[in-house]
Amino acid sequence: MHAPSLLERSLRSVWHPCTQMKQHEALPLVPIVRGEGPWLIDAEGRRLLDGISSWWVNLFGHCNPRINAALRAQLDTLEHVMLAGFTHEPVVELSERLAALTGHRLGHAFYASDGASATEIALKMSAHYWRNVGLVEKSRFVSLAGSYHGETVGALAVTDVAIFRDAYAPLVRAGTTVPTPDARLALPGESAADVARRAAAALEAHLAEHHAQTAALIVEPLVQGASGMVMYDPEYLRLARALCDRYRVHLIADEIAVGCGRTGSFFACEQAGIWPDFLCLSKGISGGYLPLSLVLATDTVYAAFYDDSATRAFLHSHSYTGNPLACRAALATLDIFEQDDVLAMNRVLAGQLGDAVRARFGAHPAVRQLRQRGMIVAFDVATECPDFARNFFRTGLDHGVLLRPIGNTVYFMPPYILDAGHVAHLVDGAAAALAEALDPASN
């Protein structure tokens, strides 16, 4: 009797996320045993270039020696202490440095472990703020059509992706969606900025009627990830900020996926020249190492909770809030940004990646709406195959690349450490995967 493999053991004991487990009868799990820079190595020694940063979290490669060293040092100092009634150097320094990156427009940081929790915190904090200032009726939320802000019950109220929402609809307190500024919706003769203005006009109409009940508008700045890398013009953020100010509504920027340099600036909102009332970070903030999320809030928001009464405090907690190891990984990540001038380097890398994708796919007969924002490149594929995404993923693995389309949208969101050879390998693998996924004989 043979010893069970890692794959067999996983199927027997692990319930994998966002997965119909029965599908793994035909599409086996991929057992990964090692990470090395942009590569993941499976149990058979196959090397896969991580073209999606392992669900958008990894910034500087797997097993990065500088982040590793920082974590080893922290392990010998302090692994964890509760943050209620206590504090420690990593969480204080991280909060200070993040506030400085906003020019101190956003101050105190509230910590959790995952992106959905950050969304929950921002929503609760906004509604509680309005309660504390005497406007208890302001408790509703507005989000963009196609938005994704997490899969916990509160976050689903502002998530507009049917597969995540529908099964849990009886549990969800429904919010309101307003039109997306998706640049692909441009009418003949319209620019992306024109689409943004049309969408902002719809937002204005909604707020004009419902601002007295509306606590906040929540957006994914510049790129709506889970709905297919929807990209839009910064003009929408500028107009939304002005409308939120006019109607006394908070603006929540969910930068969980698009922050930390993904769109070309450290915070995506910087490209619009605006700052939100709440800014959510997760994923890349720890370099892809440890669960960490946070919400940065304005001093005005913080002051509304500062009181003798416990009922006016922000009543939210997680056991691992502000974990020292996760904060140390985040500090090491910020060090790399500063020491390597990462944003400048990314402008060069983004140009190389975008040029390579356009050269290979720009004239492809099945490719539509090829688009790019910073280190995110995407295109849509014209196909009626219901299993396109699964077939592309599977064949991509055969060609040494990890790419997971969202529906019919193929996207590239790699770590920031690729060289020209890595870019060529990634694009070559994607081209081979696309050819096979569109070939009926291969499926």
Protein backbone atom coordinates (compact mmCIF):
# COMPACT_ATOMS: atom_id res chain seq x y z
CA MET A 1 0.00 0.00 0.00
CA HIS A 2 1.58 3.28 -1.09
CA ALA A 3 1.84 6.31 1.18
CA PRO A 4 -0.71 8.94 0.11
CA SER A 5 0.67 11.83 -1.91
CA LEU A 6 0.36 15.46 -0.87
CA LEU A 7 -2.41 15.84 -3.45
CA GLU A 8 -4.34 12.86 -2.07
CA ARG A 9 -3.95 14.07 1.50
CA SER A 10 -5.18 17.55 0.53
CA LEU A 11 -8.32 16.19 -1.12
CA ARG A 12 -9.05 14.10 1.96
CA SER A 13 -8.67 16.92 4.48
CA VAL A 14 -8.68 20.44 2.95
CA TRP A 15 -11.72 22.36 1.68
CA HIS A 16 -10.20 24.69 -0.89
CA PRO A 17 -11.47 28.27 -1.42
CA CYS A 18 -13.71 29.39 -4.28
CA THR A 19 -13.69 25.83 -5.58
CA GLN A 20 -16.24 23.22 -6.58
CA MET A 21 -14.24 20.37 -5.08
CA LYS A 22 -15.73 17.80 -7.47
CA GLN A 23 -13.91 19.55 -10.34
CA HIS A 24 -10.66 18.22 -8.94
CA GLU A 25 -11.65 14.75 -10.13
CA ALA A 26 -10.80 16.03 -13.64
CA LEU A 27 -8.45 18.91 -12.86
CA PRO A 28 -5.97 17.82 -10.20
CA LEU A 29 -4.69 20.16 -7.54
CA VAL A 30 -1.14 21.37 -8.07
CA PRO A 31 1.04 20.43 -5.07
CA ILE A 32 3.62 23.21 -4.59
CA VAL A 33 6.70 22.36 -2.57
CA ARG A 34 8.93 25.42 -3.01
CA GLY A 35 8.94 29.07 -4.07
CA GLU A 36 11.89 30.82 -5.67
CA GLY A 37 11.62 34.40 -6.90
CA PRO A 38 8.83 34.55 -9.50
CA TRP A 39 8.72 30.75 -9.70
CA LEU A 40 6.65 28.11 -7.95
CA ILE A 41 8.00 24.55 -8.07
CA ASP A 42 5.62 21.62 -7.83
CA ALA A 43 6.15 18.13 -6.42
CA GLU A 44 7.44 16.85 -9.77
CA GLY A 45 9.97 19.66 -10.14
CA ARG A 46 7.93 21.60 -12.69
CA ARG A 47 8.61 25.34 -12.58
CA LEU A 48 5.63 27.68 -12.94
CA LEU A 49 6.05 31.41 -13.40
CA ASP A 50 3.59 33.05 -11.00
CA GLY A 51 1.88 35.44 -13.40
CA ILE A 52 -0.85 36.45 -10.94
CA SER A 53 1.29 36.91 -7.81
CA SER A 54 -0.55 34.09 -6.03
CA TRP A 55 -3.91 35.90 -5.94
CA TRP A 56 -2.32 39.34 -6.27
CA VAL A 57 -0.36 39.26 -3.00
CA ASN A 58 3.27 38.63 -3.91
CA LEU A 59 5.29 41.72 -4.80
CA PHE A 60 8.97 40.80 -4.61
CA GLY A 61 9.08 37.08 -5.29
CA HIS A 62 8.70 33.97 -3.21
CA CYS A 63 11.17 33.42 -0.37
CA ASN A 64 12.56 36.93 -0.76
CA PRO A 65 15.83 36.97 1.22
CA ARG A 66 15.32 40.48 2.62
CA ILE A 67 11.81 39.80 3.91
CA ASN A 68 12.98 36.41 5.20
CA ALA A 69 15.78 38.06 7.18
CA ALA A 70 13.42 40.61 8.72
CA LEU A 71 11.03 37.88 9.82
CA ARG A 72 13.83 35.76 11.32
CA ALA A 73 14.95 38.72 13.40
CA GLN A 74 11.40 39.42 14.54
CA LEU A 75 10.89 35.77 15.50
CA ASP A 76 13.66 36.12 18.05
CA THR A 77 12.08 39.25 19.54
CA LEU A 78 8.27 39.05 19.67
CA GLU A 79 5.89 36.79 17.77
CA HIS A 80 2.57 38.20 19.01
CA VAL A 81 0.90 40.23 21.71
CA MET A 82 -2.70 41.39 21.90
CA LEU A 83 -3.15 44.94 20.66
CA ALA A 84 -5.93 45.80 23.12
CA GLY A 85 -4.12 47.54 25.97
CA PHE A 86 -0.67 46.84 24.53
CA THR A 87 1.48 48.06 21.65
CA HIS A 88 4.79 47.18 20.00
CA GLU A 89 7.40 48.67 17.70
CA PRO A 90 6.43 47.02 14.37
CA VAL A 91 2.78 48.14 14.48
CA VAL A 92 3.71 51.67 15.55
CA GLU A 93 6.39 52.09 12.88
CA LEU A 94 4.17 50.63 10.15
CA SER A 95 1.32 52.98 11.07
CA GLU A 96 3.66 55.97 11.07
CA ARG A 97 5.15 55.11 7.69
CA LEU A 98 1.81 54.47 6.02
CA ALA A 99 0.44 57.77 7.32
CA ALA A 100 3.53 59.50 5.96
CA LEU A 101 2.93 57.93 2.54
CA THR A 102 -0.44 59.72 2.48
CA GLY A 103 1.19 63.01 3.43
CA HIS A 104 -0.57 62.55 6.80
CA ARG A 105 -3.93 63.11 5.15
CA LEU A 106 -4.88 59.73 6.66
CA GLY A 107 -3.69 58.94 10.15
CA HIS A 108 -4.52 56.20 12.61
CA ALA A 109 -4.46 52.65 11.22
CA PHE A 110 -6.87 49.95 12.37
CA TYR A 111 -5.62 46.40 11.73
CA ALA A 112 -7.10 43.03 10.77
CA SER A 113 -5.93 39.99 8.80
CA ASP A 114 -7.66 39.92 5.40
CA GLY A 115 -9.19 42.19 2.81
CA ALA A 116 -12.82 41.38 3.55
CA SER A 117 -12.22 42.26 7.20
CA ALA A 118 -10.78 45.61 6.14
CA THR A 119 -13.95 46.25 4.15
CA GLU A 120 -16.08 45.34 7.16
CA ILE A 121 -14.06 47.71 9.35
CA ALA A 122 -14.42 50.63 6.93
CA LEU A 123 -18.18 50.09 6.54
CA LYS A 124 -18.77 49.78 10.27
CA MET A 125 -16.51 52.71 11.05
CA SER A 126 -18.32 54.93 8.57
CA ALA A 127 -21.81 54.10 9.87
CA HIS A 128 -20.65 54.41 13.48
CA TYR A 129 -19.07 57.79 12.72
CA TRP A 130 -22.40 59.16 11.49
CA ARG A 131 -24.11 57.73 14.57
CA ASN A 132 -21.55 59.41 16.82
CA VAL A 133 -22.13 62.79 15.18
CA GLY A 134 -25.90 62.45 15.50
CA LEU A 135 -26.84 61.38 11.97
CA VAL A 136 -28.01 57.86 12.75
CA GLU A 137 -30.05 57.59 9.56
CA LYS A 138 -26.86 57.57 7.45
CA SER A 139 -26.31 53.81 7.38
CA ARG A 140 -26.61 52.77 3.71
CA PHE A 141 -23.80 52.08 1.27
CA VAL A 142 -23.25 52.64 -2.43
CA SER A 143 -20.87 50.67 -4.66
CA LEU A 144 -20.13 50.35 -8.36
CA ALA A 145 -21.79 47.82 -10.63
CA GLY A 146 -19.47 44.83 -10.85
CA SER A 147 -17.71 45.75 -7.62
CA TYR A 148 -15.95 43.21 -5.40
CA HIS A 149 -15.04 44.01 -1.80
CA GLY A 150 -14.92 40.60 -0.14
CA GLU A 151 -17.08 37.60 0.72
CA THR A 152 -17.98 38.05 4.38
CA VAL A 153 -21.61 38.96 4.96
CA GLY A 154 -21.02 42.69 5.43
CA ALA A 155 -18.67 42.92 2.48
CA LEU A 156 -21.19 41.10 0.26
CA ALA A 157 -23.52 44.07 0.75
CA VAL A 158 -21.17 46.08 -1.47
CA THR A 159 -20.08 43.23 -3.76
CA ASP A 160 -21.86 42.97 -7.11
CA VAL A 161 -20.56 39.67 -8.47
CA ALA A 162 -23.47 37.24 -8.68
CA ILE A 163 -21.59 34.01 -8.02
CA PHE A 164 -20.44 35.33 -4.65
CA ARG A 165 -23.69 37.03 -3.63
CA ASP A 166 -26.60 34.92 -4.82
CA ALA A 167 -26.25 31.89 -2.57
CA TYR A 168 -26.10 34.11 0.51
CA ALA A 169 -28.65 36.76 -0.52
CA PRO A 170 -30.97 36.03 2.46
CA LEU A 171 -28.10 36.93 4.82
CA VAL A 172 -27.01 40.11 3.07
CA ARG A 173 -28.17 43.65 3.83
CA ALA A 174 -28.53 44.96 0.31
CA GLY A 175 -26.69 48.08 -0.73
CA THR A 176 -27.13 50.18 -3.87
CA THR A 177 -25.07 49.92 -7.03
CA VAL A 178 -24.46 52.80 -9.41
CA PRO A 179 -23.08 52.54 -12.96
CA THR A 180 -19.46 51.57 -13.38
CA PRO A 181 -17.11 53.94 -15.25
CA ASP A 182 -15.73 50.92 -17.17
CA ALA A 183 -13.86 52.42 -20.14
CA ARG A 184 -15.07 49.55 -22.35
CA LEU A 185 -18.54 51.10 -22.24
CA ALA A 186 -17.46 54.09 -24.33
CA LEU A 187 -19.94 55.00 -27.04
CA PRO A 188 -18.67 55.96 -30.52
CA GLY A 189 -16.64 59.14 -30.16
CA GLU A 190 -16.43 58.92 -26.37
CA SER A 191 -13.21 58.80 -24.36
CA ALA A 192 -12.65 56.91 -21.10
CA ALA A 193 -12.99 60.25 -19.30
CA ASP A 194 -16.39 60.76 -20.95
CA VAL A 195 -17.55 57.39 -19.60
CA ALA A 196 -16.30 58.44 -16.16
CA ARG A 197 -18.34 61.64 -16.35
CA ARG A 198 -21.49 59.74 -17.37
CA ALA A 199 -21.07 57.36 -14.44
CA ALA A 200 -20.42 60.26 -12.07
CA ALA A 201 -23.61 61.94 -13.25
CA ALA A 202 -25.54 58.81 -12.25
CA LEU A 203 -23.82 58.85 -8.87
CA GLU A 204 -24.79 62.49 -8.44
CA ALA A 205 -28.42 61.73 -9.21
CA HIS A 206 -28.44 58.97 -6.59
CA LEU A 207 -26.77 61.03 -3.89
CA ALA A 208 -28.99 64.03 -4.55
CA GLU A 209 -31.98 61.87 -3.62
CA HIS A 210 -30.50 59.53 -1.00
CA HIS A 211 -27.59 61.31 0.67
CA ALA A 212 -29.46 61.65 3.97
CA GLN A 213 -29.45 57.84 4.31
CA THR A 214 -26.06 57.20 2.70
CA ALA A 215 -23.00 56.63 4.88
CA ALA A 216 -20.39 55.94 2.21
CA LEU A 217 -19.48 55.20 -1.37
CA ILE A 218 -16.94 52.40 -1.70
CA VAL A 219 -14.83 51.96 -4.84
CA GLU A 220 -11.89 49.97 -6.14
CA PRO A 221 -9.79 52.86 -7.48
CA LEU A 222 -8.91 52.64 -11.21
CA VAL A 223 -9.30 48.84 -11.55
CA GLN A 224 -12.23 46.61 -10.54
CA GLY A 225 -10.44 43.31 -10.15
CA ALA A 226 -12.82 40.39 -9.71
CA SER A 227 -15.27 41.59 -12.35
CA GLY A 228 -12.57 41.15 -15.00
CA MET A 229 -9.90 43.82 -14.49
CA VAL A 230 -12.31 46.62 -15.35
CA MET A 231 -10.25 49.79 -15.87
CA TYR A 232 -11.48 53.36 -15.76
CA ASP A 233 -10.27 56.94 -15.97
CA PRO A 234 -9.09 58.77 -12.82
CA GLU A 235 -11.65 61.48 -13.61
CA TYR A 236 -14.28 59.33 -11.91
CA LEU A 237 -12.40 59.43 -8.61
CA ARG A 238 -12.04 63.20 -8.81
CA LEU A 239 -15.74 63.67 -9.44
CA ALA A 240 -16.75 61.10 -6.82
CA ARG A 241 -14.61 62.84 -4.20
CA ALA A 242 -16.26 66.18 -4.97
CA LEU A 243 -19.75 64.64 -4.83
CA CYS A 244 -19.05 62.89 -1.53
CA ASP A 245 -17.87 66.21 -0.08
CA ARG A 246 -20.95 68.04 -1.38
CA TYR A 247 -23.43 65.51 -0.01
CA ARG A 248 -21.59 64.64 3.24
CA VAL A 249 -20.92 61.02 2.28
CA HIS A 250 -17.71 59.16 3.08
CA LEU A 251 -15.48 57.87 0.29
CA ILE A 252 -13.93 54.46 0.98
CA ALA A 253 -11.04 53.46 -1.29
CA ASP A 254 -10.62 49.69 -1.41
CA GLU A 255 -6.96 49.50 -2.42
CA ILE A 256 -6.63 45.90 -1.26
CA ALA A 257 -5.74 44.69 -4.77
CA VAL A 258 -4.71 47.95 -6.46
CA GLY A 259 -2.53 49.51 -3.75
CA CYS A 260 1.16 48.96 -3.07
CA GLY A 261 2.26 49.96 -6.57
CA ARG A 262 -0.01 47.75 -8.69
CA THR A 263 -1.46 50.61 -10.74
CA GLY A 264 1.77 52.59 -11.07
CA SER A 265 1.62 54.75 -7.93
CA PHE A 266 1.87 53.42 -4.39
CA PHE A 267 -1.79 54.28 -3.78
CA ALA A 268 -4.06 54.21 -6.83
CA CYS A 269 -5.92 57.30 -5.57
CA GLU A 270 -2.77 59.36 -6.07
CA GLN A 271 -3.31 59.23 -9.83
CA ALA A 272 -6.54 61.19 -9.38
CA GLY A 273 -5.00 63.65 -6.95
CA ILE A 274 -7.57 62.81 -4.27
CA TRP A 275 -7.64 61.11 -0.88
CA PRO A 276 -10.51 59.08 0.57
CA ASP A 277 -11.91 59.19 4.10
CA PHE A 278 -10.96 55.53 4.55
CA LEU A 279 -8.30 53.56 2.69
CA CYS A 280 -8.23 49.74 2.87
CA LEU A 281 -4.99 47.81 2.32
CA SER A 282 -4.16 44.10 2.35
CA LYS A 283 -2.65 41.58 -0.11
CA GLY A 284 0.66 43.14 -1.17
CA ILE A 285 1.23 45.16 2.00
CA SER A 286 2.99 42.20 3.63
CA GLY A 287 4.82 41.30 0.42
CA GLY A 288 2.61 38.23 0.10
CA TYR A 289 4.01 36.67 3.25
CA LEU A 290 1.48 36.86 6.07
CA PRO A 291 -2.20 37.74 6.52
CA LEU A 292 -2.46 41.47 7.19
CA SER A 293 -5.01 44.15 6.42
CA LEU A 294 -5.67 47.63 7.68
CA VAL A 295 -7.84 50.69 7.32
CA LEU A 296 -6.38 54.19 7.36
CA ALA A 297 -8.84 56.88 8.44
CA THR A 298 -8.83 60.66 8.60
CA ASP A 299 -8.25 62.52 11.86
CA THR A 300 -11.85 63.80 11.61
CA VAL A 301 -13.15 60.24 11.72
CA TYR A 302 -10.82 59.29 14.58
CA ALA A 303 -11.88 62.30 16.63
CA ALA A 304 -15.56 61.31 16.46
CA PHE A 305 -14.76 58.13 18.43
CA TYR A 306 -12.49 59.77 21.03
CA ASP A 307 -14.68 60.04 24.12
CA ASP A 308 -15.15 58.93 27.72
CA SER A 309 -17.99 56.62 26.73
CA ALA A 310 -17.20 53.06 25.64
CA THR A 311 -20.29 53.06 23.43
CA ARG A 312 -18.66 55.75 21.26
CA ALA A 313 -15.50 53.66 20.82
CA PHE A 314 -15.03 51.63 17.64
CA LEU A 315 -16.19 48.21 18.77
CA HIS A 316 -14.32 45.79 16.54
CA SER A 317 -11.44 43.39 17.19
CA HIS A 318 -9.47 40.43 15.84
CA SER A 319 -7.24 38.19 17.94
CA TYR A 320 -4.25 38.71 15.65
CA THR A 321 -4.79 42.44 15.10
CA GLY A 322 -1.47 44.12 14.37
CA ASN A 323 0.51 40.88 14.59
CA PRO A 324 4.23 41.79 14.95
CA LEU A 325 5.43 39.25 12.39
CA ALA A 326 2.98 40.45 9.74
CA CYS A 327 3.83 44.09 10.50
CA ARG A 328 7.55 43.30 10.24
CA ALA A 329 6.99 41.71 6.82
CA ALA A 330 5.14 44.88 5.78
CA LEU A 331 7.99 47.07 7.04
CA ALA A 332 10.48 45.00 5.04
CA THR A 333 8.22 45.43 2.01
CA LEU A 334 8.21 49.21 2.46
CA ASP A 335 12.00 49.13 2.85
CA ILE A 336 12.33 47.46 -0.54
CA PHE A 337 10.07 50.09 -2.12
CA GLU A 338 12.27 52.85 -0.74
CA GLN A 339 15.71 51.31 -1.20
CA ASP A 340 15.14 50.00 -4.74
CA ASP A 341 13.04 52.89 -6.08
CA VAL A 342 10.47 50.26 -7.01
CA LEU A 343 7.89 52.60 -8.53
CA ALA A 344 10.44 53.91 -11.03
CA MET A 345 11.61 50.37 -11.83
CA ASN A 346 8.01 49.27 -12.27
CA ARG A 347 7.42 51.93 -14.90
CA VAL A 348 10.12 50.28 -16.99
CA LEU A 349 8.88 46.74 -16.29
CA ALA A 350 5.26 47.72 -16.98
CA GLY A 351 6.36 49.10 -20.34
CA GLN A 352 8.17 45.87 -21.20
CA LEU A 353 5.23 43.70 -20.14
CA GLY A 354 2.66 45.83 -21.94
CA ASP A 355 4.74 45.96 -25.12
CA ALA A 356 5.21 42.18 -25.09
CA VAL A 357 1.49 41.50 -24.56
CA ARG A 358 0.46 43.97 -27.28
CA ALA A 359 2.99 42.54 -29.73
CA ARG A 360 1.73 38.99 -29.18
CA PHE A 361 -2.00 39.54 -28.73
CA GLY A 362 -2.83 42.97 -30.15
CA ALA A 363 -3.82 41.61 -33.57
CA HIS A 364 -5.15 38.24 -32.37
CA PRO A 365 -8.60 37.66 -33.92
CA ALA A 366 -10.13 36.53 -30.61
CA VAL A 367 -8.67 39.27 -28.42
CA ARG A 368 -10.76 42.29 -27.44
CA GLN A 369 -10.16 45.40 -25.31
CA LEU A 370 -6.47 44.95 -24.53
CA ARG A 371 -5.80 47.32 -21.64
CA GLN A 372 -3.21 48.21 -19.02
CA ARG A 373 -2.90 50.15 -15.81
CA GLY A 374 0.56 50.01 -14.30
CA MET A 375 1.54 46.43 -13.54
CA ILE A 376 -1.86 45.02 -14.56
CA VAL A 377 -2.39 44.01 -18.21
CA ALA A 378 -5.62 42.38 -19.39
CA PHE A 379 -7.65 41.48 -22.45
CA ASP A 380 -11.00 39.83 -23.16
CA VAL A 381 -11.34 36.73 -25.31
CA ALA A 382 -14.23 36.25 -27.72
CA THR A 383 -15.27 32.64 -27.18
CA GLU A 384 -18.46 30.75 -26.44
CA CYS A 385 -16.64 27.98 -24.58
CA PRO A 386 -18.09 27.79 -21.04
CA ASP A 387 -14.88 26.19 -19.76
CA PHE A 388 -12.49 28.70 -21.32
CA ALA A 389 -10.98 29.89 -18.03
CA ARG A 390 -10.41 26.37 -16.73
CA ASN A 391 -8.93 25.16 -20.03
CA PHE A 392 -6.62 28.18 -20.26
CA PHE A 393 -5.43 27.68 -16.68
CA ARG A 394 -4.79 23.97 -17.24
CA THR A 395 -2.90 24.41 -20.49
CA GLY A 396 -0.96 27.34 -19.05
CA LEU A 397 0.41 25.02 -16.38
CA ASP A 398 1.57 22.66 -19.13
CA HIS A 399 3.58 25.57 -20.57
CA GLY A 400 5.10 26.68 -17.27
CA VAL A 401 2.89 29.65 -16.36
CA LEU A 402 0.37 30.25 -13.61
CA LEU A 403 -2.43 32.37 -15.09
CA ARG A 404 -6.09 32.15 -14.01
CA PRO A 405 -8.53 34.01 -16.27
CA ILE A 406 -11.60 35.65 -14.73
CA GLY A 407 -14.33 34.38 -17.00
CA ASN A 408 -13.18 35.33 -20.50
CA THR A 409 -10.67 37.90 -19.25
CA VAL A 410 -7.00 36.93 -19.35
CA TYR A 411 -4.84 39.10 -17.12
CA PHE A 412 -1.21 39.44 -16.09
CA MET A 413 -0.43 40.67 -12.58
CA PRO A 414 3.07 39.35 -11.82
CA PRO A 415 5.58 40.12 -9.05
CA TYR A 416 7.71 43.23 -9.56
CA ILE A 417 10.95 41.31 -10.10
CA LEU A 418 10.62 39.97 -13.65
CA ASP A 419 13.44 40.33 -16.16
CA ALA A 420 13.16 40.23 -19.94
CA GLY A 421 13.43 36.44 -19.96
CA HIS A 422 10.61 36.09 -17.45
CA VAL A 423 8.39 38.41 -19.47
CA ALA A 424 9.04 36.41 -22.64
CA HIS A 425 8.32 33.12 -20.85
CA LEU A 426 5.08 34.51 -19.40
CA VAL A 427 3.80 35.83 -22.72
CA ASP A 428 4.90 32.73 -24.66
CA GLY A 429 3.11 30.51 -22.15
CA ALA A 430 -0.03 32.63 -22.35
CA ALA A 431 -0.01 32.47 -26.14
CA ALA A 432 0.29 28.68 -26.11
CA ALA A 433 -2.46 28.41 -23.50
CA LEU A 434 -4.76 30.66 -25.53
CA ALA A 435 -4.20 28.66 -28.71
CA GLU A 436 -5.04 25.39 -26.99
CA ALA A 437 -7.96 26.79 -25.00
CA LEU A 438 -9.56 28.04 -28.25
CA ASP A 439 -8.91 24.76 -30.09
CA PRO A 440 -11.93 22.46 -29.73
CA ALA A 441 -9.72 19.44 -30.40
CA SER A 442 -7.63 20.24 -27.31
CA ASN A 443 -10.56 20.42 -24.87
